[in-house]
Amino acid sequence: MTTVGTLPTTALGAGDIRVGAQGLGCMGMSEFYGPSDLTESRATLDRALELGVTLFDTADVYGSGHNEEFLSAFVGAERDRLVIATKFGIVRKADDPAYRGFGNSPAYIRSSVEGSLRRLGIDTIDLYYMHRKDPAVPIEDTVGAMAELVREGKVRALGLSEVTGDELRAAHAVHPIAAVQSEWSLFSRDVERGVVPAAAELGVTFVPYSPLGRGFLTGSFIGTADTNDFRSSMPRFTGENAARNAELLAPLRAIAEARGITLAQVALAWVHAQAGVHDLAVVPIPGTRSRTRLTENVAAATIALTSDELATLEPIAGQVSGTRYADMSFTSAGRE
């Protein structure tokens, strides 16, 4: 294993793309978690690269294109040093902010990739994900259209988000899948039923999003009434569910205090440990807009939890109150 900055590196699937063992989720720089300081966000991007973070994750839906546009100057300045991942597949409506639909047709994919290339200001996307699967469209058709983009040089590698194990296998039979991205954390472990074993079997890298439970696992979440913070509508973050889930942080606090580290570092170290537990490459992408939080997160990649600590953390997910989303049909768990 080689090292860049302070991070070891790993391959994305069986291809020739290597990335730092922890990436950066950029979604919050544009929306979903309240106002963002774009100057600090850009400084966070630069600092991430200095620390060995090379996988930067965005999507066309984040800020309805704003996130890709925001990243374009950074990507352009550092193109040879980073791996840019973006996504298609979630459809929004300007006149209905709450609306979420699917876009998996070949025509939609073609339009989406051209839009992302234009906003990012690049000729080739390193890793292109299907963000969500449309149940009405066979995944073989979607991946077939994505494979055309690889042949045309518009995309280097393919990824899928929130798919089941069977869907991953079907997709991989059409074209090699480099990475699968789904929520995976101490609070969210449903992926271990099907897609994690499938990824290990096929040699697909797993990219956990929200590895800090959307901030809950940091111990700093105290509730929000801000309608611009999408957690205000998520079952785990509201009412009695939030109160009960806060009690589940006690084991993290005990480990953090004994180690002299933070709760976030305990939670991220657990995610990194899953690479050994499940015998697959794991590259979590915690999101942050702060250089301080970024440095804290990156340090967690080299913290090794003991078997006793892992055993202490094992029961947490089974005790979490509330589902990941109000509408679980957009997730792999909703189709298993």
Protein backbone atom coordinates (compact mmCIF):
# COMPACT_ATOMS: atom_id res chain seq x y z
CA MET A 1 0.00 0.00 0.00
CA THR A 2 1.35 3.40 -0.97
CA THR A 3 0.85 6.71 0.80
CA VAL A 4 -0.02 10.20 -0.44
CA GLY A 5 0.06 13.01 2.12
CA THR A 6 -1.14 11.43 5.36
CA LEU A 7 -3.48 8.92 3.70
CA PRO A 8 -2.82 5.47 2.27
CA THR A 9 -4.23 4.93 -1.23
CA THR A 10 -6.36 2.22 -2.75
CA ALA A 11 -7.69 1.29 -6.18
CA LEU A 12 -11.23 1.93 -7.35
CA GLY A 13 -12.35 -1.52 -8.35
CA ALA A 14 -10.11 -3.44 -10.74
CA GLY A 15 -9.17 -0.42 -12.85
CA ASP A 16 -6.18 1.87 -12.83
CA ILE A 17 -7.68 4.72 -10.77
CA ARG A 18 -6.17 5.09 -7.29
CA VAL A 19 -7.50 7.38 -4.59
CA GLY A 20 -6.74 8.34 -1.02
CA ALA A 21 -8.42 5.94 1.41
CA GLN A 22 -10.80 8.72 2.48
CA GLY A 23 -12.59 11.06 0.11
CA LEU A 24 -14.53 14.28 0.57
CA GLY A 25 -18.28 14.64 0.10
CA CYS A 26 -18.93 18.12 -1.30
CA MET A 27 -22.74 18.21 -1.21
CA GLY A 28 -23.03 20.42 1.87
CA MET A 29 -20.99 23.15 0.24
CA SER A 30 -24.05 23.96 -1.89
CA GLU A 31 -27.17 23.03 0.07
CA PHE A 32 -28.97 20.67 2.45
CA TYR A 33 -27.15 21.68 5.66
CA GLY A 34 -27.96 25.37 5.84
CA PRO A 35 -25.83 28.34 4.68
CA SER A 36 -22.29 27.67 3.47
CA ASP A 37 -19.19 29.88 3.47
CA LEU A 38 -17.84 29.31 -0.03
CA THR A 39 -14.45 30.84 0.81
CA GLU A 40 -13.94 28.36 3.65
CA SER A 41 -15.32 25.57 1.47
CA ARG A 42 -12.71 26.29 -1.21
CA ALA A 43 -9.98 26.40 1.44
CA THR A 44 -11.24 23.02 2.66
CA LEU A 45 -10.89 21.57 -0.84
CA ASP A 46 -7.30 22.78 -1.08
CA ARG A 47 -6.44 21.45 2.38
CA ALA A 48 -7.99 18.08 1.56
CA LEU A 49 -5.66 17.65 -1.39
CA GLU A 50 -2.68 18.59 0.78
CA LEU A 51 -3.64 15.84 3.24
CA GLY A 52 -3.89 13.16 0.57
CA VAL A 53 -7.62 13.27 -0.14
CA THR A 54 -7.95 12.79 -3.90
CA LEU A 55 -11.56 11.58 -4.39
CA PHE A 56 -13.98 14.51 -4.49
CA ASP A 57 -17.67 13.59 -4.67
CA THR A 58 -20.46 15.69 -6.15
CA ALA A 59 -23.66 15.24 -8.19
CA ASP A 60 -25.69 17.18 -10.71
CA VAL A 61 -28.56 17.38 -8.19
CA TYR A 62 -26.55 19.13 -5.46
CA GLY A 63 -27.65 22.73 -5.59
CA SER A 64 -29.27 21.91 -8.95
CA GLY A 65 -25.86 22.13 -10.63
CA HIS A 66 -24.29 24.68 -8.28
CA ASN A 67 -21.98 22.17 -6.60
CA GLU A 68 -20.41 21.09 -9.88
CA GLU A 69 -20.02 24.72 -10.93
CA PHE A 70 -18.45 25.60 -7.58
CA LEU A 71 -15.96 22.75 -7.88
CA SER A 72 -14.95 23.64 -11.44
CA ALA A 73 -12.24 26.17 -10.53
CA PHE A 74 -10.67 23.76 -8.04
CA VAL A 75 -10.88 20.84 -10.45
CA GLY A 76 -9.41 22.90 -13.27
CA ALA A 77 -6.47 24.04 -11.16
CA GLU A 78 -5.69 20.56 -9.83
CA ARG A 79 -6.98 18.28 -12.58
CA ASP A 80 -4.02 15.90 -12.67
CA ARG A 81 -3.96 15.41 -8.90
CA LEU A 82 -7.57 14.52 -8.16
CA VAL A 83 -10.35 12.10 -9.03
CA ILE A 84 -13.73 13.73 -9.59
CA ALA A 85 -16.90 11.69 -9.07
CA THR A 86 -20.33 12.94 -10.02
CA LYS A 87 -23.76 11.41 -10.51
CA PHE A 88 -26.99 11.42 -12.50
CA GLY A 89 -30.38 9.92 -11.79
CA ILE A 90 -32.27 12.13 -9.34
CA VAL A 91 -34.67 14.55 -11.01
CA ARG A 92 -35.82 17.76 -9.35
CA LYS A 93 -38.38 20.40 -10.30
CA ALA A 94 -37.69 24.13 -9.96
CA ASP A 95 -41.30 24.81 -9.01
CA ASP A 96 -41.50 21.98 -6.45
CA PRO A 97 -38.43 21.86 -4.16
CA ALA A 98 -39.65 18.71 -2.41
CA TYR A 99 -40.04 16.70 -5.62
CA ARG A 100 -37.62 13.84 -6.31
CA GLY A 101 -37.96 11.65 -9.37
CA PHE A 102 -35.79 9.23 -11.34
CA GLY A 103 -33.82 9.65 -14.55
CA ASN A 104 -32.23 6.44 -15.82
CA SER A 105 -33.10 6.42 -19.53
CA PRO A 106 -30.30 6.52 -22.14
CA ALA A 107 -31.49 9.94 -23.36
CA TYR A 108 -31.51 11.34 -19.83
CA ILE A 109 -28.04 9.93 -19.12
CA ARG A 110 -26.68 11.48 -22.31
CA SER A 111 -28.09 14.87 -21.41
CA SER A 112 -26.88 14.61 -17.82
CA VAL A 113 -23.28 13.75 -18.64
CA GLU A 114 -23.00 16.63 -21.07
CA GLY A 115 -24.36 19.00 -18.44
CA SER A 116 -21.94 17.75 -15.78
CA LEU A 117 -18.95 17.98 -18.11
CA ARG A 118 -19.90 21.54 -18.97
CA ARG A 119 -20.43 22.66 -15.37
CA LEU A 120 -17.23 21.00 -14.16
CA GLY A 121 -15.27 22.37 -17.11
CA ILE A 122 -13.61 19.04 -17.94
CA ASP A 123 -13.51 16.60 -20.85
CA THR A 124 -13.75 13.37 -18.85
CA ILE A 125 -15.44 12.41 -15.57
CA ASP A 126 -13.29 10.01 -13.58
CA LEU A 127 -16.12 8.17 -11.82
CA TYR A 128 -19.72 8.47 -12.98
CA TYR A 129 -22.46 7.12 -10.73
CA MET A 130 -26.07 6.22 -11.26
CA HIS A 131 -27.34 8.14 -8.24
CA ARG A 132 -30.59 6.22 -7.79
CA LYS A 133 -32.17 3.32 -9.65
CA ASP A 134 -35.49 3.80 -11.39
CA PRO A 135 -37.46 0.61 -10.61
CA ALA A 136 -39.12 0.90 -14.03
CA VAL A 137 -35.82 0.74 -15.97
CA PRO A 138 -33.74 -2.48 -16.08
CA ILE A 139 -30.31 -1.80 -14.64
CA GLU A 140 -28.75 -3.56 -17.62
CA ASP A 141 -30.17 -0.86 -19.90
CA THR A 142 -28.88 1.94 -17.70
CA VAL A 143 -25.39 0.49 -17.37
CA GLY A 144 -25.33 -0.24 -21.09
CA ALA A 145 -25.89 3.45 -21.77
CA MET A 146 -23.25 4.38 -19.19
CA ALA A 147 -20.78 2.00 -20.85
CA GLU A 148 -21.19 3.94 -24.10
CA LEU A 149 -19.85 7.00 -22.29
CA VAL A 150 -16.73 5.06 -21.30
CA ARG A 151 -16.17 3.99 -24.89
CA GLU A 152 -16.53 7.60 -26.01
CA GLY A 153 -13.98 8.82 -23.45
CA LYS A 154 -16.46 10.98 -21.54
CA VAL A 155 -16.18 8.77 -18.44
CA ARG A 156 -13.29 6.68 -17.07
CA ALA A 157 -15.10 4.37 -14.62
CA LEU A 158 -18.66 3.54 -13.59
CA GLY A 159 -20.30 3.56 -10.19
CA LEU A 160 -23.72 2.84 -8.71
CA SER A 161 -25.43 4.30 -5.64
CA GLU A 162 -28.00 2.65 -3.39
CA VAL A 163 -28.28 -0.64 -5.29
CA THR A 164 -28.92 -4.12 -3.96
CA GLY A 165 -26.47 -6.97 -4.23
CA ASP A 166 -28.43 -8.55 -7.08
CA GLU A 167 -28.56 -5.24 -8.94
CA LEU A 168 -24.81 -4.81 -8.55
CA ARG A 169 -24.16 -8.28 -9.95
CA ALA A 170 -26.47 -7.66 -12.92
CA ALA A 171 -24.78 -4.33 -13.65
CA HIS A 172 -21.27 -5.75 -13.32
CA ALA A 173 -22.12 -8.41 -15.90
CA VAL A 174 -22.77 -5.63 -18.45
CA HIS A 175 -19.72 -3.48 -17.66
CA PRO A 176 -17.21 -3.53 -14.78
CA ILE A 177 -18.40 -1.43 -11.85
CA ALA A 178 -15.57 0.34 -10.02
CA ALA A 179 -17.46 1.60 -6.98
CA VAL A 180 -20.76 1.33 -5.20
CA GLN A 181 -21.86 4.20 -2.96
CA SER A 182 -24.42 3.79 -0.21
CA GLU A 183 -25.01 5.00 3.32
CA TRP A 184 -22.92 2.98 5.79
CA SER A 185 -22.14 3.93 9.35
CA LEU A 186 -22.58 2.87 12.97
CA PHE A 187 -26.19 4.04 12.60
CA SER A 188 -26.85 2.51 9.15
CA ARG A 189 -25.76 -1.05 8.39
CA ASP A 190 -28.52 -2.45 6.15
CA VAL A 191 -26.03 -2.62 3.25
CA GLU A 192 -24.23 -5.48 4.99
CA ARG A 193 -27.12 -7.80 4.11
CA GLY A 194 -26.59 -7.87 0.36
CA VAL A 195 -24.53 -5.26 -1.44
CA VAL A 196 -21.42 -5.39 0.78
CA PRO A 197 -20.96 -9.15 0.20
CA ALA A 198 -21.60 -8.65 -3.52
CA ALA A 199 -19.03 -5.85 -3.72
CA ALA A 200 -16.46 -8.01 -1.93
CA GLU A 201 -17.20 -10.91 -4.28
CA LEU A 202 -16.82 -8.75 -7.41
CA GLY A 203 -13.85 -6.63 -6.29
CA VAL A 204 -15.91 -3.43 -6.25
CA THR A 205 -14.79 -0.61 -3.96
CA PHE A 206 -17.36 0.48 -1.41
CA VAL A 207 -17.77 4.25 -0.91
CA PRO A 208 -19.81 4.92 2.25
CA TYR A 209 -21.67 8.22 2.23
CA SER A 210 -22.84 9.82 5.50
CA PRO A 211 -20.32 7.74 7.49
CA LEU A 212 -20.89 10.16 10.39
CA GLY A 213 -24.64 9.61 10.34
CA ARG A 214 -25.19 13.07 8.82
CA GLY A 215 -23.45 14.60 11.81
CA PHE A 216 -25.34 12.69 14.50
CA LEU A 217 -22.33 10.50 15.30
CA THR A 218 -20.17 13.54 16.00
CA GLY A 219 -22.19 14.23 19.15
CA SER A 220 -22.73 17.83 18.07
CA PHE A 221 -26.22 17.50 16.57
CA ILE A 222 -28.76 19.05 18.93
CA GLY A 223 -31.73 19.22 16.59
CA THR A 224 -32.70 21.68 13.90
CA ALA A 225 -35.81 23.62 12.94
CA ASP A 226 -34.09 25.06 9.86
CA THR A 227 -36.12 23.99 6.83
CA ASN A 228 -32.98 24.46 4.73
CA ASP A 229 -31.42 21.61 6.72
CA PHE A 230 -32.91 18.46 5.22
CA ARG A 231 -32.38 16.56 8.48
CA SER A 232 -35.43 18.40 9.81
CA SER A 233 -37.59 16.04 7.75
CA MET A 234 -35.69 12.82 8.44
CA PRO A 235 -37.15 10.37 10.97
CA ARG A 236 -33.92 9.75 12.90
CA PHE A 237 -33.37 13.43 13.58
CA THR A 238 -36.73 14.46 14.99
CA GLY A 239 -38.81 14.05 18.13
CA GLU A 240 -38.46 11.01 20.35
CA ASN A 241 -36.33 9.24 17.76
CA ALA A 242 -33.63 11.89 18.06
CA ALA A 243 -33.70 11.73 21.85
CA ARG A 244 -33.39 7.94 21.90
CA ASN A 245 -30.65 7.94 19.28
CA ALA A 246 -28.62 10.48 21.24
CA GLU A 247 -28.44 7.95 24.07
CA LEU A 248 -26.73 5.47 21.73
CA LEU A 249 -23.64 7.67 21.57
CA ALA A 250 -22.50 6.65 25.07
CA PRO A 251 -20.15 3.87 23.86
CA LEU A 252 -18.54 6.25 21.35
CA ARG A 253 -17.98 8.80 24.10
CA ALA A 254 -16.36 6.21 26.34
CA ILE A 255 -13.95 5.11 23.61
CA ALA A 256 -13.23 8.69 22.57
CA GLU A 257 -12.45 9.77 26.13
CA ALA A 258 -10.21 6.76 26.74
CA ARG A 259 -8.33 7.35 23.49
CA GLY A 260 -8.17 11.13 23.63
CA ILE A 261 -9.91 11.39 20.24
CA THR A 262 -13.30 12.68 19.06
CA LEU A 263 -16.59 10.85 18.58
CA ALA A 264 -16.33 11.54 14.86
CA GLN A 265 -12.95 9.84 14.75
CA VAL A 266 -14.33 6.78 16.53
CA ALA A 267 -17.21 6.59 14.05
CA LEU A 268 -14.93 6.98 11.02
CA ALA A 269 -12.37 4.53 12.37
CA TRP A 270 -15.22 1.99 12.63
CA VAL A 271 -16.09 2.52 8.95
CA HIS A 272 -12.45 2.11 7.91
CA ALA A 273 -12.26 -1.09 9.97
CA GLN A 274 -15.01 -2.63 7.84
CA ALA A 275 -12.51 -3.07 5.01
CA GLY A 276 -10.83 -5.81 7.04
CA VAL A 277 -14.06 -7.19 8.44
CA HIS A 278 -15.63 -7.67 5.00
CA ASP A 279 -12.48 -8.05 2.86
CA LEU A 280 -13.08 -5.20 0.43
CA ALA A 281 -11.73 -1.73 -0.28
CA VAL A 282 -13.64 0.95 1.65
CA VAL A 283 -13.30 4.70 0.90
CA PRO A 284 -15.69 6.75 3.06
CA ILE A 285 -16.56 10.27 1.93
CA PRO A 286 -17.47 12.31 5.02
CA GLY A 287 -18.69 15.74 4.04
CA THR A 288 -17.45 18.93 5.63
CA ARG A 289 -17.08 22.62 4.83
CA SER A 290 -14.45 23.20 7.51
CA ARG A 291 -10.69 22.71 7.41
CA THR A 292 -10.69 21.87 11.11
CA ARG A 293 -13.25 19.09 10.70
CA LEU A 294 -11.49 17.87 7.59
CA THR A 295 -8.18 17.46 9.44
CA GLU A 296 -9.99 15.62 12.23
CA ASN A 297 -11.68 13.29 9.74
CA VAL A 298 -8.53 12.47 7.79
CA ALA A 299 -6.70 11.56 11.00
CA ALA A 300 -9.34 8.90 11.67
CA ALA A 301 -8.21 6.90 8.64
CA THR A 302 -5.15 5.70 10.53
CA ILE A 303 -6.83 5.00 13.89
CA ALA A 304 -7.15 1.25 14.46
CA LEU A 305 -9.90 0.20 16.86
CA THR A 306 -9.31 -2.86 19.01
CA SER A 307 -11.48 -5.96 18.84
CA ASP A 308 -12.97 -5.04 22.22
CA GLU A 309 -13.83 -1.55 20.98
CA LEU A 310 -15.43 -2.94 17.84
CA ALA A 311 -17.46 -5.36 19.97
CA THR A 312 -18.63 -2.46 22.14
CA LEU A 313 -19.87 -0.60 19.06
CA GLU A 314 -21.47 -3.63 17.40
CA PRO A 315 -25.01 -3.37 18.88
CA ILE A 316 -25.60 0.31 18.09
CA ALA A 317 -27.15 0.05 14.62
CA GLY A 318 -29.73 -2.46 15.79
CA GLN A 319 -31.01 0.01 18.38
CA VAL A 320 -31.42 3.08 16.15
CA SER A 321 -34.91 4.60 16.09
CA GLY A 322 -36.34 5.76 12.76
CA THR A 323 -35.57 4.96 9.15
CA ARG A 324 -32.77 6.55 7.10
CA TYR A 325 -35.25 8.46 4.93
CA ALA A 326 -38.94 9.15 5.24
CA ASP A 327 -39.30 7.49 1.82
CA MET A 328 -37.10 4.39 1.75
CA SER A 329 -38.09 3.52 -1.84
CA PHE A 330 -35.05 5.54 -2.99
CA THR A 331 -32.70 3.14 -1.18
CA SER A 332 -31.39 -0.37 -1.69
CA ALA A 333 -33.00 -1.44 1.59
CA GLY A 334 -36.37 -0.35 0.22
CA ARG A 335 -36.04 -2.91 -2.61
CA GLU A 336 -34.49 -5.84 -0.76
